[in-house]
Amino acid sequence: MIFPSPRANLLVPALRTFLPALALLITTGVSLAAPATADEQVTRGRALYFQHCIICHQAAGQGVPGSYPPLAESDFVRTNTDRAIRTIVEGLSGPIVVNGKSYNNVMPPVVLDDAKVADLMTFLLHAFKNGGGQITAEKVKAIRAKSRFATYEALVAASNYPPLPAAPEGFTLRETVRLTAPVARITSDGRGKTLYLAGGATVSKLDLVTKKVTPLILPDDLGLDIKRGDFGIGGFALDAQKRLYLVVSQRVAPEGKFIVTNEITFYRTSATNKEGDPIEPRVWFRTSYPWGIGPYNHGVGHLAFGPDGFLYVSSGSRTDGNETGTDPVHFATTGETPLTACLWRLDPKSDAPEIKVFSAGHRNAYSFCWTDRGEMFATDNGPDADAPEELNRVVPGKHYGFPYRFADWSKKAYPYTPDAPAGLDFALPVANRGPAAGGSSAMPMATFDPHSSPAGIVHLGSDFPGAFRDSLLVVRFGNLLQQKKDVGFDLLRVRTEPTADGGLAAEVTTVLAPLGRPLDVHVSGKGRVFILEYTRSTDNSRNSGWLPGRILELAVKK
């Protein structure tokens, strides 16, 4: 034992008396700490919910109609807590009825120890109006003992990382780091020494030499208060001065009958630490629009600097397909707003930038990039209707269909799909001629398999060989909706060429598969591509939960 000062040596006689007594208490199972209060468990459980449950059950626990049941005011949670706990620790598949509505999907177990499951369950009981109560770790342990995974250790053993897929010829593939917390975005200065990681409301640094991950920006640094509503970093980007721009979407809950607001805050770092990393974020500017009427609030996401030096921003839709709702606090009388379902262009030189809509009709342009020729490409996620997911060449002022049409469909996706304004022309997606991701030369698709969730995209320049040079790489997160076969979970190469009608067609091939729900891809250093696996599950059958994934490096052989 090391004492901080000579005065501490006075404690030694007392410790000689105290330590044997402490050992006796430990061996007899008597705890010196007071039991956690329900409020303490709710606070911890809230953080766990946002890490592990929000992607399916949504921020307010409302679920996704027809796919994921509600946890808020849920008879499944409220009337049989033992069954709800067992679902968390074991998973669930097959038909169930919740609040009188049928669901038939797969939920993997949540890989948390007994104490954390108790915290999560206590949060569900209190925060989502399920009758209150307090769940103990001992209760969870007893229920887990009767489940498919009798102990937490057994569940962890079933949740190991999958083997790496085979690298394409001329490349190597290796793990860079295994993550201990969820990460949704990666970026860098392009030099291949450091990656910056964004997950939740935290930004961390990954040293690519030591493989050490160090937090740089925490929620408190952003002045965020969870009491005002749920929040998270949607995207981030470095400028030429190595200032980091962040965007945070926060669902601000109503007081009385005020409309629920999606508050969008842009931050810009104002200093660097001794290693040269960006720190001390300051609010750049704010804007807002009414929160969507359903579970499809995509918020403001990807940020990237274009060849012109301006900052480009993806603002996703607040609906699935422009539907209206019935709850007036969710702005139910309309679907999209002028600030949603589009790409913005901002001037980073301005202290109060004006939002200029660069292009419109993007349901959820998760990521975009530019080629060496200055062409801009964006991935776009489609609706619950079975339309292809899109890859678009983005041109200023063009409209890409949403909510009037999806992909190359001429039919309406839903009965409530609005008629397009007179004279509005749509830019069509890239035509996928295959052989991968749903396309073929005989029947090109516009662009990828429905529900495959295209995410990060990068352009490969002269550092890459042969067929990879001057091509695009796209990762696909994989389907969340239950369907006959899984799609996505891969890295694709896309090589485009012009068509006679002025559009684009593409050869699409699979580079890596299967991957653990890849969410972002980034080029940094000569001939090096970094791939972010969000989880460890490479399909929907592996019931291993939403454990944090890893970052892989795909590199040209030297």
Protein backbone atom coordinates (compact mmCIF):
# COMPACT_ATOMS: atom_id res chain seq x y z
CA MET A 1 0.00 0.00 0.00
CA ILE A 2 1.37 3.42 -0.96
CA PHE A 3 0.48 6.39 1.23
CA PRO A 4 0.42 9.91 -0.20
CA SER A 5 2.18 11.61 2.75
CA PRO A 6 3.94 10.85 6.08
CA ARG A 7 0.73 11.70 7.90
CA ALA A 8 -0.86 8.67 6.31
CA ASN A 9 1.49 6.38 8.27
CA LEU A 10 -0.59 7.14 11.31
CA LEU A 11 -3.31 5.03 9.69
CA VAL A 12 -1.23 1.83 9.73
CA PRO A 13 -2.13 0.62 13.27
CA ALA A 14 -5.80 1.27 12.60
CA LEU A 15 -5.62 -0.57 9.29
CA ARG A 16 -4.04 -3.60 10.98
CA THR A 17 -7.15 -3.81 13.13
CA PHE A 18 -9.61 -2.96 10.38
CA LEU A 19 -8.42 -5.18 7.50
CA PRO A 20 -9.05 -8.57 9.21
CA ALA A 21 -12.54 -7.40 10.08
CA LEU A 22 -13.07 -6.32 6.46
CA ALA A 23 -11.90 -9.73 5.22
CA LEU A 24 -14.37 -11.39 7.57
CA LEU A 25 -17.21 -9.27 6.23
CA ILE A 26 -16.28 -10.12 2.65
CA THR A 27 -16.05 -13.87 3.29
CA THR A 28 -19.34 -13.92 5.17
CA GLY A 29 -21.09 -12.00 2.41
CA VAL A 30 -21.92 -8.92 4.48
CA SER A 31 -21.79 -5.69 2.45
CA LEU A 32 -20.44 -2.45 3.88
CA ALA A 33 -22.05 -0.40 1.10
CA ALA A 34 -25.65 0.71 1.36
CA PRO A 35 -27.93 -0.87 -1.24
CA ALA A 36 -28.46 1.26 -4.33
CA THR A 37 -31.63 3.31 -4.37
CA ALA A 38 -34.13 2.99 -7.21
CA ASP A 39 -33.19 6.50 -8.37
CA GLU A 40 -29.53 5.49 -8.64
CA GLN A 41 -30.47 2.40 -10.63
CA VAL A 42 -32.71 4.44 -12.94
CA THR A 43 -29.83 6.83 -13.68
CA ARG A 44 -27.47 3.97 -14.52
CA GLY A 45 -30.18 2.09 -16.39
CA ARG A 46 -30.94 5.08 -18.61
CA ALA A 47 -27.35 5.10 -19.89
CA LEU A 48 -27.53 1.35 -20.55
CA TYR A 49 -30.80 1.76 -22.44
CA PHE A 50 -29.25 4.34 -24.79
CA GLN A 51 -26.27 2.08 -25.39
CA HIS A 52 -28.05 -1.20 -26.02
CA CYS A 53 -31.78 -0.77 -26.68
CA ILE A 54 -32.50 2.52 -28.43
CA ILE A 55 -31.77 1.36 -32.00
CA CYS A 56 -34.81 -0.95 -31.98
CA HIS A 57 -37.08 0.32 -29.22
CA GLN A 58 -36.45 4.03 -29.90
CA ALA A 59 -35.70 6.97 -27.64
CA ALA A 60 -39.04 7.14 -25.86
CA GLY A 61 -39.52 3.37 -25.72
CA GLN A 62 -42.24 3.53 -28.37
CA GLY A 63 -40.79 0.76 -30.54
CA VAL A 64 -41.32 0.47 -34.29
CA PRO A 65 -44.87 -0.46 -35.37
CA GLY A 66 -45.00 -3.97 -36.78
CA SER A 67 -41.33 -4.66 -36.04
CA TYR A 68 -40.23 -3.87 -32.49
CA PRO A 69 -42.74 -3.73 -29.61
CA PRO A 70 -43.04 -0.77 -27.25
CA LEU A 71 -41.38 -0.84 -23.85
CA ALA A 72 -43.17 2.29 -22.64
CA GLU A 73 -46.46 1.53 -20.83
CA SER A 74 -45.98 -2.05 -21.99
CA ASP A 75 -48.03 -4.92 -20.60
CA PHE A 76 -45.13 -7.22 -21.53
CA VAL A 77 -42.89 -5.36 -19.06
CA ARG A 78 -45.48 -4.33 -16.50
CA THR A 79 -47.40 -7.54 -15.84
CA ASN A 80 -44.58 -10.10 -15.73
CA THR A 81 -41.20 -8.68 -14.80
CA ASP A 82 -39.67 -12.17 -14.58
CA ARG A 83 -40.50 -12.80 -18.22
CA ALA A 84 -39.11 -9.40 -19.21
CA ILE A 85 -35.85 -10.07 -17.34
CA ARG A 86 -35.51 -13.45 -18.99
CA THR A 87 -36.00 -11.83 -22.40
CA ILE A 88 -33.11 -9.48 -21.67
CA VAL A 89 -30.70 -12.21 -20.55
CA GLU A 90 -31.76 -14.91 -23.01
CA GLY A 91 -33.26 -13.15 -26.03
CA LEU A 92 -36.58 -13.86 -27.69
CA SER A 93 -37.85 -15.06 -31.05
CA GLY A 94 -41.23 -15.92 -32.43
CA PRO A 95 -44.66 -14.31 -32.17
CA ILE A 96 -45.67 -12.25 -29.15
CA VAL A 97 -48.53 -9.87 -28.38
CA VAL A 98 -47.78 -6.54 -26.69
CA ASN A 99 -50.53 -4.09 -25.81
CA GLY A 100 -52.89 -6.05 -28.04
CA LYS A 101 -50.67 -5.96 -31.15
CA SER A 102 -48.76 -8.88 -32.67
CA TYR A 103 -44.99 -8.94 -33.31
CA ASN A 104 -42.84 -11.67 -34.80
CA ASN A 105 -39.16 -10.81 -34.79
CA VAL A 106 -35.86 -11.74 -33.14
CA MET A 107 -34.34 -10.01 -30.14
CA PRO A 108 -30.82 -11.09 -29.15
CA PRO A 109 -29.86 -11.24 -25.49
CA VAL A 110 -28.35 -8.08 -24.04
CA VAL A 111 -24.84 -8.88 -22.84
CA LEU A 112 -24.86 -7.23 -19.41
CA ASP A 113 -23.99 -8.65 -16.02
CA ASP A 114 -26.64 -9.23 -13.36
CA ALA A 115 -26.25 -5.83 -11.68
CA LYS A 116 -26.53 -3.95 -14.98
CA VAL A 117 -29.59 -5.94 -16.05
CA ALA A 118 -31.15 -5.01 -12.70
CA ASP A 119 -30.39 -1.33 -13.38
CA LEU A 120 -31.80 -1.52 -16.91
CA MET A 121 -34.97 -3.25 -15.75
CA THR A 122 -35.48 -0.76 -12.92
CA PHE A 123 -35.17 2.05 -15.49
CA LEU A 124 -37.83 0.42 -17.69
CA LEU A 125 -40.21 0.10 -14.75
CA HIS A 126 -39.83 3.71 -13.64
CA ALA A 127 -39.03 5.87 -16.66
CA PHE A 128 -41.51 4.26 -19.05
CA LYS A 129 -44.58 4.23 -16.76
CA ASN A 130 -44.55 0.49 -16.11
CA GLY A 131 -45.63 0.61 -12.49
CA GLY A 132 -42.32 1.24 -10.76
CA GLY A 133 -40.45 -1.18 -8.54
CA GLN A 134 -36.83 -2.13 -7.96
CA ILE A 135 -34.99 -5.14 -9.38
CA THR A 136 -31.94 -6.62 -7.64
CA ALA A 137 -28.93 -8.38 -9.10
CA GLU A 138 -29.84 -11.45 -7.03
CA LYS A 139 -33.22 -11.65 -8.72
CA VAL A 140 -31.63 -11.39 -12.16
CA LYS A 141 -29.09 -14.10 -11.28
CA ALA A 142 -31.85 -16.50 -10.23
CA ILE A 143 -33.81 -15.92 -13.44
CA ARG A 144 -30.70 -16.19 -15.60
CA ALA A 145 -29.86 -19.56 -14.02
CA LYS A 146 -32.99 -21.02 -15.63
CA SER A 147 -32.32 -19.47 -19.04
CA ARG A 148 -30.47 -20.67 -22.13
CA PHE A 149 -27.31 -18.96 -20.81
CA ALA A 150 -27.21 -20.01 -17.16
CA THR A 151 -24.55 -17.46 -16.22
CA TYR A 152 -23.32 -14.13 -17.50
CA GLU A 153 -19.99 -15.80 -18.29
CA ALA A 154 -21.76 -18.35 -20.51
CA LEU A 155 -23.39 -15.55 -22.48
CA VAL A 156 -20.08 -13.73 -22.93
CA ALA A 157 -18.48 -16.95 -24.19
CA ALA A 158 -21.22 -17.20 -26.81
CA SER A 159 -20.52 -13.62 -27.92
CA ASN A 160 -16.95 -13.90 -29.14
CA TYR A 161 -15.72 -11.94 -32.13
CA PRO A 162 -16.25 -13.71 -35.47
CA PRO A 163 -13.24 -14.71 -37.57
CA LEU A 164 -12.02 -12.18 -40.11
CA PRO A 165 -13.19 -12.69 -43.68
CA ALA A 166 -10.61 -13.31 -46.39
CA ALA A 167 -8.92 -10.19 -47.73
CA PRO A 168 -9.05 -9.53 -51.49
CA GLU A 169 -5.96 -10.28 -53.53
CA GLY A 170 -3.23 -7.71 -53.01
CA PHE A 171 -4.52 -6.64 -49.58
CA THR A 172 -4.13 -7.59 -45.93
CA LEU A 173 -6.88 -7.46 -43.31
CA ARG A 174 -6.27 -7.21 -39.58
CA GLU A 175 -7.86 -6.02 -36.36
CA THR A 176 -6.79 -2.56 -35.28
CA VAL A 177 -8.61 -2.42 -31.94
CA ARG A 178 -11.48 -4.11 -30.13
CA LEU A 179 -13.84 -1.49 -28.78
CA THR A 180 -15.20 -1.37 -25.25
CA ALA A 181 -18.05 1.05 -26.02
CA PRO A 182 -20.27 1.57 -29.09
CA VAL A 183 -18.80 3.80 -31.83
CA ALA A 184 -20.84 5.14 -34.75
CA ARG A 185 -18.46 7.38 -36.72
CA ILE A 186 -14.73 7.59 -37.44
CA THR A 187 -12.63 10.36 -38.98
CA SER A 188 -9.01 11.57 -39.09
CA ASP A 189 -6.66 14.08 -40.66
CA GLY A 190 -5.82 11.48 -43.30
CA ARG A 191 -2.21 10.91 -42.20
CA GLY A 192 -2.68 7.40 -40.84
CA LYS A 193 -1.45 8.05 -37.30
CA THR A 194 -4.70 8.77 -35.44
CA LEU A 195 -8.39 8.02 -35.75
CA TYR A 196 -11.09 9.95 -33.92
CA LEU A 197 -14.11 7.97 -32.77
CA ALA A 198 -17.61 9.25 -31.98
CA GLY A 199 -20.08 7.21 -29.96
CA GLY A 200 -23.02 8.45 -27.93
CA ALA A 201 -21.94 11.96 -26.88
CA THR A 202 -18.23 11.14 -26.53
CA VAL A 203 -15.28 11.66 -28.86
CA SER A 204 -12.16 9.53 -28.34
CA LYS A 205 -8.74 9.27 -29.95
CA LEU A 206 -7.32 5.99 -31.24
CA ASP A 207 -3.54 6.02 -31.54
CA LEU A 208 -2.85 3.73 -34.51
CA VAL A 209 0.65 2.92 -33.25
CA THR A 210 -0.05 2.08 -29.60
CA LYS A 211 -3.69 1.04 -30.24
CA LYS A 212 -4.67 3.04 -27.16
CA VAL A 213 -8.11 4.70 -27.01
CA THR A 214 -8.28 7.94 -25.00
CA PRO A 215 -11.42 10.07 -24.38
CA LEU A 216 -11.11 13.64 -25.65
CA ILE A 217 -14.59 15.16 -25.43
CA LEU A 218 -17.25 14.08 -22.94
CA PRO A 219 -20.94 15.04 -22.61
CA ASP A 220 -20.10 17.53 -19.87
CA ASP A 221 -17.69 19.28 -22.27
CA LEU A 222 -20.68 19.87 -24.56
CA GLY A 223 -22.88 21.18 -21.75
CA LEU A 224 -25.48 18.52 -22.42
CA ASP A 225 -28.21 17.81 -19.88
CA ILE A 226 -30.08 14.53 -20.24
CA LYS A 227 -32.96 15.98 -18.21
CA ARG A 228 -33.82 18.08 -21.28
CA GLY A 229 -34.03 14.99 -23.49
CA ASP A 230 -32.06 12.27 -25.25
CA PHE A 231 -28.99 13.30 -27.25
CA GLY A 232 -26.14 11.96 -29.34
CA ILE A 233 -23.41 13.00 -31.77
CA GLY A 234 -24.67 12.55 -35.32
CA GLY A 235 -21.47 13.34 -37.18
CA PHE A 236 -18.11 15.07 -36.98
CA ALA A 237 -15.38 16.33 -39.30
CA LEU A 238 -11.93 17.94 -39.15
CA ASP A 239 -11.12 21.11 -41.08
CA ALA A 240 -7.72 22.10 -42.51
CA GLN A 241 -6.83 23.82 -39.20
CA LYS A 242 -7.58 20.54 -37.36
CA ARG A 243 -10.62 22.01 -35.68
CA LEU A 244 -13.25 19.38 -35.02
CA TYR A 245 -16.84 20.17 -35.95
CA LEU A 246 -19.52 18.17 -34.13
CA VAL A 247 -23.28 18.07 -34.52
CA VAL A 248 -25.57 16.89 -31.73
CA SER A 249 -29.28 16.17 -32.07
CA GLN A 250 -31.26 16.42 -28.83
CA ARG A 251 -34.90 15.50 -28.40
CA VAL A 252 -36.23 18.26 -26.17
CA ALA A 253 -39.31 17.01 -24.33
CA PRO A 254 -42.37 19.26 -24.10
CA GLU A 255 -43.49 21.22 -21.09
CA GLY A 256 -47.25 21.38 -20.99
CA LYS A 257 -48.44 21.24 -24.61
CA PHE A 258 -45.38 22.61 -26.41
CA ILE A 259 -44.23 20.74 -29.50
CA VAL A 260 -41.42 18.21 -29.03
CA THR A 261 -38.33 19.71 -30.69
CA ASN A 262 -35.27 18.24 -32.34
CA GLU A 263 -32.63 20.75 -31.27
CA ILE A 264 -29.57 20.69 -33.51
CA THR A 265 -26.36 22.12 -32.06
CA PHE A 266 -23.11 22.50 -33.97
CA TYR A 267 -19.88 22.69 -31.98
CA ARG A 268 -16.38 23.66 -33.06
CA THR A 269 -13.28 22.97 -31.00
CA SER A 270 -11.30 25.99 -29.85
CA ALA A 271 -7.98 24.48 -28.72
CA THR A 272 -5.67 21.50 -29.00
CA ASN A 273 -3.96 19.45 -26.32
CA LYS A 274 -0.21 18.85 -26.10
CA GLU A 275 -0.53 15.96 -28.57
CA GLY A 276 -2.26 18.25 -31.08
CA ASP A 277 -5.74 16.73 -30.67
CA PRO A 278 -8.82 18.98 -30.86
CA ILE A 279 -10.43 19.83 -27.50
CA GLU A 280 -12.64 22.44 -25.84
CA PRO A 281 -15.71 22.45 -28.07
CA ARG A 282 -17.73 25.64 -28.23
CA VAL A 283 -21.23 26.13 -29.61
CA TRP A 284 -21.01 27.34 -33.20
CA PHE A 285 -24.73 27.71 -33.88
CA ARG A 286 -28.11 26.09 -33.24
CA THR A 287 -31.25 25.39 -35.17
CA SER A 288 -34.31 23.21 -34.57
CA TYR A 289 -37.41 21.68 -36.09
CA PRO A 290 -40.32 19.68 -34.66
CA TRP A 291 -39.56 16.11 -33.65
CA GLY A 292 -41.04 13.52 -36.01
CA ILE A 293 -44.35 11.83 -35.46
CA GLY A 294 -42.96 8.27 -35.44
CA PRO A 295 -39.74 6.33 -34.88
CA TYR A 296 -38.02 7.61 -38.04
CA ASN A 297 -36.24 10.68 -36.69
CA HIS A 298 -32.93 10.39 -38.49
CA GLY A 299 -31.69 13.74 -37.22
CA VAL A 300 -28.66 15.58 -38.52
CA GLY A 301 -25.83 13.20 -39.29
CA HIS A 302 -22.80 13.10 -41.54
CA LEU A 303 -20.49 16.12 -41.78
CA ALA A 304 -17.71 16.49 -44.36
CA PHE A 305 -15.74 19.31 -45.96
CA GLY A 306 -16.09 19.50 -49.72
CA PRO A 307 -13.41 20.40 -52.26
CA ASP A 308 -14.76 23.98 -52.13
CA GLY A 309 -13.97 24.30 -48.42
CA PHE A 310 -17.63 24.42 -47.36
CA LEU A 311 -19.10 22.11 -44.74
CA TYR A 312 -21.74 19.69 -46.04
CA VAL A 313 -24.33 18.22 -43.72
CA SER A 314 -26.87 15.40 -44.03
CA SER A 315 -30.25 16.15 -42.48
CA GLY A 316 -32.39 13.00 -42.50
CA SER A 317 -36.14 12.68 -42.67
CA ARG A 318 -38.44 12.88 -39.63
CA THR A 319 -40.88 10.32 -41.09
CA ASP A 320 -40.81 7.02 -42.96
CA GLY A 321 -42.59 8.45 -46.00
CA ASN A 322 -44.10 11.86 -45.10
CA GLU A 323 -46.93 10.36 -43.08
CA THR A 324 -48.89 12.45 -40.57
CA GLY A 325 -49.80 11.48 -37.02
CA THR A 326 -52.39 12.22 -34.39
CA ASP A 327 -50.38 13.61 -31.48
CA PRO A 328 -50.28 17.44 -31.67
CA VAL A 329 -47.06 17.72 -29.62
CA HIS A 330 -45.29 15.90 -32.46
CA PHE A 331 -46.30 18.40 -35.14
CA ALA A 332 -48.78 15.88 -36.49
CA THR A 333 -50.32 17.99 -39.23
CA THR A 334 -47.40 17.62 -41.62
CA GLY A 335 -44.61 15.28 -42.60
CA GLU A 336 -41.25 16.76 -43.56
CA THR A 337 -40.03 20.31 -42.95
CA PRO A 338 -37.80 22.56 -45.12
CA LEU A 339 -34.79 21.54 -42.99
CA THR A 340 -35.28 17.77 -43.21
CA ALA A 341 -34.63 15.13 -45.90
CA CYS A 342 -31.92 17.18 -47.61
CA LEU A 343 -28.23 18.07 -47.66
CA TRP A 344 -27.08 21.41 -46.24
CA ARG A 345 -24.13 23.59 -47.23
CA LEU A 346 -22.58 25.80 -44.52
CA ASP A 347 -19.86 28.43 -44.63
CA PRO A 348 -17.29 27.59 -41.91
CA LYS A 349 -15.95 31.17 -42.05
CA SER A 350 -19.23 32.52 -40.69
CA ASP A 351 -19.98 32.78 -36.98
CA ALA A 352 -23.70 32.55 -37.78
CA PRO A 353 -23.88 30.44 -40.95
CA GLU A 354 -26.96 30.42 -43.11
CA ILE A 355 -28.34 26.96 -43.86
CA LYS A 356 -28.49 26.56 -47.61
CA VAL A 357 -30.19 23.45 -49.01
CA PHE A 358 -27.71 21.93 -51.44
CA SER A 359 -29.93 19.08 -52.68
CA ALA A 360 -33.30 17.68 -51.62
CA GLY A 361 -35.24 14.43 -51.57
CA HIS A 362 -32.80 12.38 -49.47
CA ARG A 363 -34.61 10.18 -46.94
CA ASN A 364 -31.48 9.38 -44.94
CA ALA A 365 -28.21 10.15 -46.72
CA TYR A 366 -26.08 8.42 -44.10
CA SER A 367 -22.74 9.31 -45.69
CA PHE A 368 -21.21 11.03 -48.70
CA CYS A 369 -17.81 11.63 -50.30
CA TRP A 370 -16.15 13.19 -53.32
CA THR A 371 -14.04 11.66 -56.08
CA ASP A 372 -10.75 13.16 -57.26
CA ARG A 373 -12.77 14.74 -60.10
CA GLY A 374 -15.04 16.53 -57.62
CA GLU A 375 -18.10 14.31 -58.11
CA MET A 376 -20.16 13.85 -54.94
CA PHE A 377 -21.77 10.50 -54.06
CA ALA A 378 -24.14 9.74 -51.18
CA THR A 379 -25.66 6.57 -49.77
CA ASP A 380 -29.36 6.78 -48.90
CA ASN A 381 -31.52 4.46 -46.79
CA GLY A 382 -34.98 3.58 -48.05
CA PRO A 383 -38.33 3.13 -46.31
CA ASP A 384 -39.99 0.15 -44.65
CA ALA A 385 -41.59 -0.44 -48.05
CA ASP A 386 -39.37 -2.79 -50.06
CA ALA A 387 -37.68 -0.19 -52.25
CA PRO A 388 -34.00 -0.54 -53.17
CA GLU A 389 -31.50 1.41 -51.09
CA GLU A 390 -29.91 4.20 -53.10
CA LEU A 391 -26.48 5.37 -54.19
CA ASN A 392 -26.79 8.83 -55.73
CA ARG A 393 -24.45 11.13 -57.61
CA VAL A 394 -25.36 14.39 -55.90
CA VAL A 395 -25.66 17.53 -58.01
CA PRO A 396 -26.56 20.92 -56.49
CA GLY A 397 -30.21 21.83 -56.83
CA LYS A 398 -31.34 18.34 -57.81
CA HIS A 399 -34.17 16.42 -56.13
CA TYR A 400 -33.67 12.72 -55.34
CA GLY A 401 -37.29 11.66 -54.92
CA PHE A 402 -38.24 11.49 -51.23
CA PRO A 403 -41.07 11.45 -50.25
CA TYR A 404 -42.68 11.34 -53.69
CA ARG A 405 -40.83 8.31 -55.03
CA PHE A 406 -38.20 5.80 -53.98
CA ALA A 407 -35.35 4.44 -56.12
CA ASP A 408 -36.72 4.13 -59.68
CA TRP A 409 -40.26 3.23 -58.64
CA SER A 410 -43.10 4.78 -60.59
CA LYS A 411 -45.67 3.42 -58.11
CA LYS A 412 -46.46 5.07 -54.79
CA ALA A 413 -44.88 3.39 -51.78
CA TYR A 414 -47.83 4.12 -49.46
CA PRO A 415 -51.46 5.24 -49.79
CA TYR A 416 -50.47 8.54 -48.18
CA THR A 417 -47.51 9.18 -50.53
CA PRO A 418 -48.05 12.75 -51.79
CA ASP A 419 -48.22 13.73 -55.43
CA ALA A 420 -45.05 15.38 -56.67
CA PRO A 421 -45.26 19.12 -57.40
CA ALA A 422 -45.82 19.92 -61.04
CA GLY A 423 -42.60 20.17 -63.04
CA LEU A 424 -40.38 18.54 -60.41
CA ASP A 425 -37.77 16.32 -62.07
CA PHE A 426 -36.10 13.54 -60.13
CA ALA A 427 -32.47 12.47 -60.37
CA LEU A 428 -32.33 8.69 -60.52
CA PRO A 429 -29.95 6.57 -58.42
CA VAL A 430 -26.94 4.77 -59.84
CA ALA A 431 -28.02 1.60 -61.65
CA ASN A 432 -26.43 -1.48 -60.06
CA ARG A 433 -25.47 -3.95 -62.80
CA GLY A 434 -24.13 -6.44 -60.27
CA PRO A 435 -22.92 -9.00 -59.76
CA ALA A 436 -23.37 -8.16 -56.04
CA ALA A 437 -25.88 -6.39 -53.77
CA GLY A 438 -28.99 -7.29 -55.76
CA GLY A 439 -28.01 -6.03 -59.20
CA SER A 440 -27.41 -7.85 -62.47
CA SER A 441 -26.58 -6.90 -66.04
CA ALA A 442 -29.95 -8.24 -67.18
CA MET A 443 -31.98 -6.46 -64.50
CA PRO A 444 -30.07 -3.54 -62.95
CA MET A 445 -31.29 -2.42 -59.52
CA ALA A 446 -31.44 1.17 -58.30
CA THR A 447 -29.15 0.57 -56.26
CA PHE A 448 -28.77 -2.05 -53.46
CA ASP A 449 -30.93 -4.79 -51.91
CA PRO A 450 -33.90 -3.37 -49.96
CA HIS A 451 -33.22 -2.92 -46.23
CA SER A 452 -29.47 -3.59 -46.55
CA SER A 453 -28.74 -0.17 -44.93
CA PRO A 454 -25.85 1.35 -46.91
CA ALA A 455 -23.79 3.49 -44.54
CA GLY A 456 -20.22 4.85 -44.82
CA ILE A 457 -18.71 5.58 -48.24
CA VAL A 458 -15.19 6.58 -49.40
CA HIS A 459 -13.42 7.14 -52.69
CA LEU A 460 -10.14 5.35 -53.45
CA GLY A 461 -7.48 7.32 -55.31
CA SER A 462 -4.08 6.61 -56.83
CA ASP A 463 -2.76 4.92 -53.65
CA PHE A 464 -4.82 1.86 -54.53
CA PRO A 465 -4.08 -0.70 -57.25
CA GLY A 466 -5.88 -1.94 -60.34
CA ALA A 467 -9.64 -2.26 -60.13
CA PHE A 468 -9.72 -0.51 -56.76
CA ARG A 469 -8.25 2.73 -58.07
CA ASP A 470 -10.90 5.40 -58.76
CA SER A 471 -13.68 3.32 -57.20
CA LEU A 472 -16.00 3.73 -54.24
CA LEU A 473 -16.15 1.56 -51.14
CA VAL A 474 -19.50 1.26 -49.35
CA VAL A 475 -20.26 -0.57 -46.11
CA ARG A 476 -23.75 -1.97 -45.50
CA PHE A 477 -24.99 -2.25 -41.93
CA GLY A 478 -27.42 -5.06 -42.76
CA ASN A 479 -31.16 -5.51 -42.46
CA LEU A 480 -32.97 -4.86 -39.20
CA LEU A 481 -36.37 -5.95 -40.46
CA GLN A 482 -36.98 -9.68 -40.36
CA GLN A 483 -37.04 -11.10 -43.89
CA LYS A 484 -36.35 -14.30 -45.81
CA LYS A 485 -32.61 -13.73 -46.06
CA ASP A 486 -30.12 -11.35 -44.53
CA VAL A 487 -28.65 -8.66 -46.76
CA GLY A 488 -25.74 -6.32 -46.13
CA PHE A 489 -23.14 -7.05 -43.41
CA ASP A 490 -20.46 -6.37 -46.03
CA LEU A 491 -18.04 -4.02 -47.78
CA LEU A 492 -18.71 -3.36 -51.47
CA ARG A 493 -16.63 -1.93 -54.29
CA VAL A 494 -18.55 0.28 -56.74
CA ARG A 495 -17.12 1.28 -60.12
CA THR A 496 -19.32 3.75 -62.00
CA GLU A 497 -19.56 4.60 -65.67
CA PRO A 498 -21.84 7.00 -67.59
CA THR A 499 -24.88 5.73 -69.47
CA ALA A 500 -26.31 6.91 -72.76
CA ASP A 501 -29.14 8.78 -71.03
CA GLY A 502 -26.78 10.87 -68.91
CA GLY A 503 -27.09 8.73 -65.79
CA LEU A 504 -24.66 6.35 -64.14
CA ALA A 505 -24.39 2.57 -63.97
CA ALA A 506 -22.08 0.62 -61.72
CA GLU A 507 -20.27 -2.67 -61.39
CA VAL A 508 -20.77 -3.71 -57.75
CA THR A 509 -18.65 -6.46 -56.21
CA THR A 510 -18.23 -7.79 -52.68
CA VAL A 511 -14.87 -7.00 -51.07
CA LEU A 512 -15.39 -8.32 -47.51
CA ALA A 513 -18.19 -10.46 -46.05
CA PRO A 514 -19.50 -11.16 -43.58
CA LEU A 515 -18.78 -8.21 -41.30
CA GLY A 516 -20.21 -7.28 -37.89
CA ARG A 517 -22.74 -4.65 -38.92
CA PRO A 518 -20.20 -2.25 -40.48
CA LEU A 519 -21.27 1.37 -40.05
CA ASP A 520 -18.43 3.56 -41.28
CA VAL A 521 -15.36 3.39 -43.51
CA HIS A 522 -12.46 5.82 -43.70
CA VAL A 523 -9.23 6.22 -45.70
CA SER A 524 -6.22 7.37 -43.68
CA GLY A 525 -2.61 6.92 -44.70
CA LYS A 526 -1.30 5.57 -47.97
CA GLY A 527 -3.29 2.58 -49.21
CA ARG A 528 -5.08 2.05 -45.86
CA VAL A 529 -8.82 1.74 -45.26
CA PHE A 530 -10.34 1.53 -41.77
CA ILE A 531 -13.67 -0.23 -41.32
CA LEU A 532 -15.85 0.26 -38.25
CA GLU A 533 -17.79 -2.83 -37.17
CA TYR A 534 -20.56 -1.61 -34.88
CA THR A 535 -21.25 -5.02 -33.32
CA ARG A 536 -19.99 -8.61 -33.45
CA SER A 537 -23.02 -10.16 -35.15
CA THR A 538 -22.55 -10.95 -38.84
CA ASP A 539 -26.20 -11.90 -39.41
CA ASN A 540 -29.53 -11.87 -37.62
CA SER A 541 -29.27 -15.46 -36.36
CA ARG A 542 -26.39 -14.97 -33.95
CA ASN A 543 -28.06 -14.12 -30.65
CA SER A 544 -25.07 -12.37 -29.12
CA GLY A 545 -26.54 -8.96 -28.40
CA TRP A 546 -25.29 -5.51 -29.39
CA LEU A 547 -21.80 -5.82 -27.99
CA PRO A 548 -19.31 -3.13 -29.10
CA GLY A 549 -17.47 -4.14 -32.25
CA ARG A 550 -13.98 -3.40 -33.54
CA ILE A 551 -12.04 -1.42 -36.13
CA LEU A 552 -10.38 -3.30 -38.99
CA GLU A 553 -7.60 -2.20 -41.31
CA LEU A 554 -7.66 -3.19 -44.99
CA ALA A 555 -4.25 -2.29 -46.44
CA VAL A 556 -2.49 -2.64 -49.77
CA LYS A 557 0.30 -5.20 -49.52
CA LYS A 558 3.73 -3.62 -49.65
